[in-house]
Amino acid sequence: MKNKGAKIVHVNTWEEFKKLAIDLHPEFMAYAVQNAPLSRPPLGLRLVFATESMQYIFLDFAEGSFFRRTKLPVHFRENGEAYFEEEELKNFIQAELKRKDISLVSFEVLGY
């Protein structure tokens, strides 16, 4: 991301983040799946998009078989490890924003 001097805005609700993404129409949204030790299962999702001067960040955490705010499903491997499907996230973002042209990129691809 080229926004080294960008301000960071933490958005608390999915509806607010969605509205900002619709209004600001970013080319792509980045995501990271992270360890969230206080969640059960311990799985967190970070979504980020940026404009010229701002970065908007939304966090969601697993609770049972879904994420609390987005209601995306959480899946479990045979060993009990929780994970989510990138394709489900992509479909969710495209449906919620009513856009097929937005790219979804993992922070790992961006080198973070």
N, C-alpha and C. Protein backbone atom coordinates (compact mmCIF):
# COMPACT_ATOMS: atom_id res chain seq x y z
N MET A 1 0.85 -1.18 0.00
CA MET A 1 0.00 0.00 0.00
C MET A 1 0.89 1.24 0.00
N LYS A 2 0.56 2.19 -0.79
CA LYS A 2 1.42 3.36 -0.96
C LYS A 2 1.10 4.48 0.02
N ASN A 3 0.32 4.22 1.05
CA ASN A 3 -0.18 5.27 1.93
C ASN A 3 0.66 5.38 3.21
N LYS A 4 1.92 5.67 3.11
CA LYS A 4 2.79 5.71 4.27
C LYS A 4 2.35 6.74 5.30
N GLY A 5 1.79 7.87 4.89
CA GLY A 5 1.35 8.89 5.83
C GLY A 5 -0.15 8.85 6.09
N ALA A 6 -0.78 7.76 5.73
CA ALA A 6 -2.24 7.67 5.84
C ALA A 6 -2.68 7.59 7.29
N LYS A 7 -3.82 8.18 7.56
CA LYS A 7 -4.45 8.05 8.87
C LYS A 7 -5.18 6.71 8.89
N ILE A 8 -5.29 6.14 10.08
CA ILE A 8 -5.94 4.85 10.24
C ILE A 8 -7.26 5.05 10.97
N VAL A 9 -8.31 4.49 10.39
CA VAL A 9 -9.64 4.56 10.99
C VAL A 9 -10.09 3.13 11.27
N HIS A 10 -10.34 2.83 12.54
CA HIS A 10 -10.89 1.52 12.92
C HIS A 10 -12.41 1.63 12.88
N VAL A 11 -13.03 0.82 12.06
CA VAL A 11 -14.47 0.86 11.88
C VAL A 11 -15.08 -0.26 12.72
N ASN A 12 -16.06 0.08 13.54
CA ASN A 12 -16.57 -0.87 14.53
C ASN A 12 -17.64 -1.82 14.03
N THR A 13 -18.41 -1.42 13.03
CA THR A 13 -19.49 -2.30 12.58
C THR A 13 -19.30 -2.67 11.12
N TRP A 14 -19.81 -3.84 10.76
CA TRP A 14 -19.75 -4.27 9.37
C TRP A 14 -20.53 -3.31 8.49
N GLU A 15 -21.70 -2.88 8.94
CA GLU A 15 -22.54 -1.98 8.13
C GLU A 15 -21.81 -0.68 7.81
N GLU A 16 -21.11 -0.12 8.78
CA GLU A 16 -20.36 1.12 8.55
C GLU A 16 -19.20 0.89 7.58
N PHE A 17 -18.47 -0.21 7.76
CA PHE A 17 -17.36 -0.54 6.87
C PHE A 17 -17.86 -0.75 5.45
N LYS A 18 -18.97 -1.48 5.32
CA LYS A 18 -19.58 -1.74 4.02
C LYS A 18 -19.99 -0.42 3.35
N LYS A 19 -20.62 0.47 4.09
CA LYS A 19 -21.05 1.76 3.53
C LYS A 19 -19.85 2.56 3.04
N LEU A 20 -18.78 2.59 3.83
CA LEU A 20 -17.56 3.30 3.42
C LEU A 20 -16.99 2.69 2.14
N ALA A 21 -16.96 1.36 2.08
CA ALA A 21 -16.41 0.68 0.90
C ALA A 21 -17.26 0.94 -0.33
N ILE A 22 -18.57 1.02 -0.16
CA ILE A 22 -19.44 1.33 -1.29
C ILE A 22 -19.22 2.77 -1.73
N ASP A 23 -19.20 3.69 -0.77
CA ASP A 23 -19.05 5.12 -1.10
C ASP A 23 -17.68 5.45 -1.68
N LEU A 24 -16.62 4.84 -1.15
CA LEU A 24 -15.26 5.18 -1.56
C LEU A 24 -14.74 4.32 -2.72
N HIS A 25 -15.42 3.22 -3.01
CA HIS A 25 -15.16 2.39 -4.19
C HIS A 25 -13.67 2.03 -4.38
N PRO A 26 -13.06 1.35 -3.38
CA PRO A 26 -11.64 0.97 -3.56
C PRO A 26 -11.46 -0.08 -4.65
N GLU A 27 -10.27 -0.08 -5.25
CA GLU A 27 -9.96 -1.08 -6.28
C GLU A 27 -9.79 -2.46 -5.67
N PHE A 28 -9.22 -2.49 -4.45
CA PHE A 28 -9.01 -3.78 -3.80
C PHE A 28 -9.17 -3.64 -2.29
N MET A 29 -9.35 -4.79 -1.67
CA MET A 29 -9.43 -4.88 -0.22
C MET A 29 -8.46 -5.97 0.19
N ALA A 30 -7.70 -5.70 1.23
CA ALA A 30 -6.75 -6.69 1.74
C ALA A 30 -7.33 -7.35 2.99
N TYR A 31 -6.92 -8.59 3.20
CA TYR A 31 -7.40 -9.29 4.39
C TYR A 31 -6.27 -10.08 5.03
N ALA A 32 -6.43 -10.35 6.30
CA ALA A 32 -5.50 -11.22 7.02
C ALA A 32 -6.31 -12.06 7.99
N VAL A 33 -5.97 -13.31 8.08
CA VAL A 33 -6.53 -14.19 9.10
C VAL A 33 -5.48 -14.25 10.18
N GLN A 34 -5.89 -14.04 11.41
CA GLN A 34 -4.91 -13.98 12.49
C GLN A 34 -5.37 -14.75 13.71
N ASN A 35 -4.42 -15.06 14.55
CA ASN A 35 -4.71 -15.72 15.81
C ASN A 35 -5.40 -14.71 16.73
N ALA A 36 -6.50 -15.10 17.33
CA ALA A 36 -7.25 -14.25 18.26
C ALA A 36 -7.49 -15.05 19.53
N PRO A 37 -6.52 -15.03 20.45
CA PRO A 37 -6.56 -15.92 21.61
C PRO A 37 -7.79 -15.78 22.50
N LEU A 38 -8.48 -14.65 22.47
CA LEU A 38 -9.66 -14.48 23.33
C LEU A 38 -10.95 -14.95 22.66
N SER A 39 -10.88 -15.31 21.39
CA SER A 39 -12.06 -15.81 20.67
C SER A 39 -12.09 -17.33 20.75
N ARG A 40 -13.29 -17.87 20.64
CA ARG A 40 -13.45 -19.33 20.62
C ARG A 40 -14.24 -19.72 19.40
N PRO A 41 -13.61 -20.31 18.40
CA PRO A 41 -12.20 -20.66 18.30
C PRO A 41 -11.33 -19.41 18.13
N PRO A 42 -10.02 -19.55 18.34
CA PRO A 42 -9.12 -18.38 18.32
C PRO A 42 -8.76 -17.91 16.91
N LEU A 43 -9.75 -17.36 16.21
CA LEU A 43 -9.58 -16.97 14.81
C LEU A 43 -10.11 -15.56 14.62
N GLY A 44 -9.30 -14.72 13.99
CA GLY A 44 -9.71 -13.34 13.71
C GLY A 44 -9.54 -13.03 12.24
N LEU A 45 -10.31 -12.07 11.77
CA LEU A 45 -10.27 -11.63 10.38
C LEU A 45 -10.10 -10.12 10.36
N ARG A 46 -9.10 -9.65 9.62
CA ARG A 46 -8.86 -8.21 9.46
C ARG A 46 -9.08 -7.86 7.99
N LEU A 47 -9.95 -6.87 7.75
CA LEU A 47 -10.19 -6.36 6.40
C LEU A 47 -9.72 -4.92 6.35
N VAL A 48 -9.04 -4.55 5.27
CA VAL A 48 -8.48 -3.21 5.14
C VAL A 48 -8.65 -2.74 3.70
N PHE A 49 -9.05 -1.47 3.55
CA PHE A 49 -8.93 -0.82 2.25
C PHE A 49 -8.44 0.60 2.49
N ALA A 50 -7.89 1.20 1.45
CA ALA A 50 -7.26 2.50 1.61
C ALA A 50 -7.70 3.47 0.53
N THR A 51 -7.66 4.75 0.90
CA THR A 51 -7.81 5.84 -0.06
C THR A 51 -6.47 6.56 -0.07
N GLU A 52 -6.39 7.70 -0.71
CA GLU A 52 -5.13 8.46 -0.76
C GLU A 52 -4.60 8.81 0.63
N SER A 53 -5.50 9.13 1.56
CA SER A 53 -5.03 9.62 2.86
C SER A 53 -5.53 8.82 4.06
N MET A 54 -6.30 7.77 3.84
CA MET A 54 -6.88 7.02 4.95
C MET A 54 -6.79 5.52 4.71
N GLN A 55 -6.63 4.78 5.81
CA GLN A 55 -6.77 3.33 5.80
C GLN A 55 -7.94 2.99 6.70
N TYR A 56 -8.85 2.18 6.20
CA TYR A 56 -10.02 1.77 6.97
C TYR A 56 -9.84 0.30 7.35
N ILE A 57 -9.98 0.01 8.63
CA ILE A 57 -9.73 -1.32 9.15
C ILE A 57 -10.97 -1.83 9.87
N PHE A 58 -11.32 -3.07 9.57
CA PHE A 58 -12.45 -3.73 10.23
C PHE A 58 -11.96 -5.06 10.77
N LEU A 59 -12.29 -5.35 12.01
CA LEU A 59 -11.90 -6.61 12.64
C LEU A 59 -13.14 -7.43 12.96
N ASP A 60 -13.03 -8.72 12.76
CA ASP A 60 -14.11 -9.64 13.12
C ASP A 60 -13.48 -10.85 13.79
N PHE A 61 -14.22 -11.47 14.68
CA PHE A 61 -13.68 -12.58 15.46
C PHE A 61 -14.66 -13.75 15.45
N ALA A 62 -14.10 -14.95 15.45
CA ALA A 62 -14.92 -16.16 15.43
C ALA A 62 -15.62 -16.34 16.77
N GLU A 63 -16.81 -16.89 16.66
CA GLU A 63 -17.58 -17.28 17.85
C GLU A 63 -18.35 -18.54 17.45
N GLY A 64 -17.83 -19.68 17.88
CA GLY A 64 -18.44 -20.94 17.45
C GLY A 64 -18.17 -21.20 15.99
N SER A 65 -19.22 -21.41 15.23
CA SER A 65 -19.04 -21.78 13.81
C SER A 65 -19.23 -20.60 12.85
N PHE A 66 -19.24 -19.35 13.40
CA PHE A 66 -19.37 -18.16 12.56
C PHE A 66 -18.51 -17.03 13.11
N PHE A 67 -18.22 -16.04 12.24
CA PHE A 67 -17.62 -14.80 12.71
C PHE A 67 -18.75 -13.94 13.27
N ARG A 68 -18.48 -13.23 14.35
CA ARG A 68 -19.52 -12.48 15.06
C ARG A 68 -20.23 -11.44 14.22
N ARG A 69 -19.49 -10.63 13.49
CA ARG A 69 -20.08 -9.47 12.81
C ARG A 69 -20.52 -9.75 11.38
N THR A 70 -19.70 -10.46 10.63
CA THR A 70 -20.04 -10.72 9.22
C THR A 70 -20.88 -11.98 9.05
N LYS A 71 -20.87 -12.83 10.05
CA LYS A 71 -21.59 -14.12 10.01
C LYS A 71 -21.00 -15.08 8.97
N LEU A 72 -19.76 -14.81 8.54
CA LEU A 72 -19.08 -15.76 7.66
C LEU A 72 -18.87 -17.06 8.41
N PRO A 73 -18.97 -18.20 7.73
CA PRO A 73 -18.80 -19.48 8.42
C PRO A 73 -17.34 -19.75 8.80
N VAL A 74 -17.18 -20.41 9.92
CA VAL A 74 -15.88 -20.92 10.37
C VAL A 74 -15.94 -22.43 10.16
N HIS A 75 -14.90 -22.97 9.56
CA HIS A 75 -14.83 -24.41 9.30
C HIS A 75 -13.80 -25.02 10.24
N PHE A 76 -13.89 -26.34 10.41
CA PHE A 76 -12.97 -27.03 11.31
C PHE A 76 -12.39 -28.25 10.61
N ARG A 77 -11.06 -28.37 10.73
CA ARG A 77 -10.38 -29.55 10.21
C ARG A 77 -10.62 -30.71 11.18
N GLU A 78 -10.25 -31.91 10.75
CA GLU A 78 -10.45 -33.10 11.59
C GLU A 78 -9.75 -32.98 12.94
N ASN A 79 -8.63 -32.24 12.99
CA ASN A 79 -7.89 -32.08 14.25
C ASN A 79 -8.47 -30.96 15.12
N GLY A 80 -9.57 -30.34 14.67
CA GLY A 80 -10.22 -29.29 15.46
C GLY A 80 -9.75 -27.88 15.13
N GLU A 81 -8.74 -27.75 14.27
CA GLU A 81 -8.23 -26.43 13.91
C GLU A 81 -9.27 -25.66 13.09
N ALA A 82 -9.50 -24.41 13.47
CA ALA A 82 -10.48 -23.56 12.77
C ALA A 82 -9.82 -22.88 11.57
N TYR A 83 -10.60 -22.70 10.52
CA TYR A 83 -10.13 -21.97 9.35
C TYR A 83 -11.34 -21.39 8.62
N PHE A 84 -11.09 -20.56 7.63
CA PHE A 84 -12.17 -20.05 6.81
C PHE A 84 -11.77 -20.20 5.35
N GLU A 85 -12.75 -20.16 4.48
CA GLU A 85 -12.53 -20.33 3.05
C GLU A 85 -12.40 -18.96 2.38
N GLU A 86 -11.28 -18.71 1.72
CA GLU A 86 -11.07 -17.44 1.02
C GLU A 86 -12.16 -17.19 -0.02
N GLU A 87 -12.60 -18.22 -0.70
CA GLU A 87 -13.62 -18.07 -1.73
C GLU A 87 -14.94 -17.56 -1.12
N GLU A 88 -15.27 -18.02 0.08
CA GLU A 88 -16.48 -17.55 0.76
C GLU A 88 -16.35 -16.06 1.11
N LEU A 89 -15.16 -15.65 1.55
CA LEU A 89 -14.93 -14.24 1.84
C LEU A 89 -15.06 -13.41 0.56
N LYS A 90 -14.46 -13.86 -0.51
CA LYS A 90 -14.52 -13.15 -1.79
C LYS A 90 -15.98 -13.00 -2.24
N ASN A 91 -16.73 -14.09 -2.20
CA ASN A 91 -18.14 -14.04 -2.61
C ASN A 91 -18.94 -13.10 -1.71
N PHE A 92 -18.67 -13.13 -0.42
CA PHE A 92 -19.35 -12.27 0.54
C PHE A 92 -19.09 -10.80 0.25
N ILE A 93 -17.81 -10.45 0.06
CA ILE A 93 -17.44 -9.05 -0.22
C ILE A 93 -18.11 -8.58 -1.51
N GLN A 94 -18.02 -9.38 -2.56
CA GLN A 94 -18.62 -8.99 -3.84
C GLN A 94 -20.13 -8.83 -3.73
N ALA A 95 -20.79 -9.72 -2.99
CA ALA A 95 -22.25 -9.64 -2.83
C ALA A 95 -22.63 -8.43 -1.98
N GLU A 96 -21.94 -8.23 -0.86
CA GLU A 96 -22.27 -7.14 0.04
C GLU A 96 -22.05 -5.77 -0.61
N LEU A 97 -20.97 -5.65 -1.39
CA LEU A 97 -20.66 -4.37 -2.04
C LEU A 97 -21.33 -4.24 -3.40
N LYS A 98 -21.97 -5.33 -3.84
CA LYS A 98 -22.62 -5.38 -5.16
C LYS A 98 -21.63 -5.02 -6.26
N ARG A 99 -20.44 -5.65 -6.17
CA ARG A 99 -19.37 -5.40 -7.14
C ARG A 99 -18.63 -6.70 -7.44
N LYS A 100 -18.41 -6.95 -8.70
CA LYS A 100 -17.58 -8.08 -9.11
C LYS A 100 -16.16 -7.63 -9.43
N ASP A 101 -15.95 -6.30 -9.53
CA ASP A 101 -14.66 -5.78 -9.97
C ASP A 101 -13.69 -5.47 -8.83
N ILE A 102 -14.06 -5.72 -7.59
CA ILE A 102 -13.14 -5.45 -6.49
C ILE A 102 -12.25 -6.68 -6.28
N SER A 103 -10.96 -6.44 -6.12
CA SER A 103 -10.02 -7.53 -5.87
C SER A 103 -9.88 -7.74 -4.37
N LEU A 104 -9.70 -8.97 -3.99
CA LEU A 104 -9.46 -9.32 -2.60
C LEU A 104 -8.07 -9.93 -2.53
N VAL A 105 -7.19 -9.32 -1.72
CA VAL A 105 -5.79 -9.72 -1.68
C VAL A 105 -5.39 -10.04 -0.26
N SER A 106 -4.69 -11.15 -0.09
CA SER A 106 -4.17 -11.51 1.23
C SER A 106 -2.99 -10.61 1.59
N PHE A 107 -2.89 -10.23 2.86
CA PHE A 107 -1.73 -9.47 3.31
C PHE A 107 -0.44 -10.24 3.04
N GLU A 108 -0.50 -11.56 3.05
CA GLU A 108 0.70 -12.36 2.77
C GLU A 108 1.19 -12.09 1.35
N VAL A 109 0.29 -11.93 0.40
CA VAL A 109 0.66 -11.62 -0.98
C VAL A 109 1.31 -10.24 -1.06
N LEU A 110 0.85 -9.32 -0.19
CA LEU A 110 1.40 -7.97 -0.18
C LEU A 110 2.74 -7.90 0.55
N GLY A 111 3.16 -9.01 1.18
CA GLY A 111 4.46 -9.03 1.86
C GLY A 111 4.40 -8.66 3.32
N TYR A 112 3.22 -8.70 3.94
CA TYR A 112 3.09 -8.39 5.36
C TYR A 112 3.02 -9.64 6.19
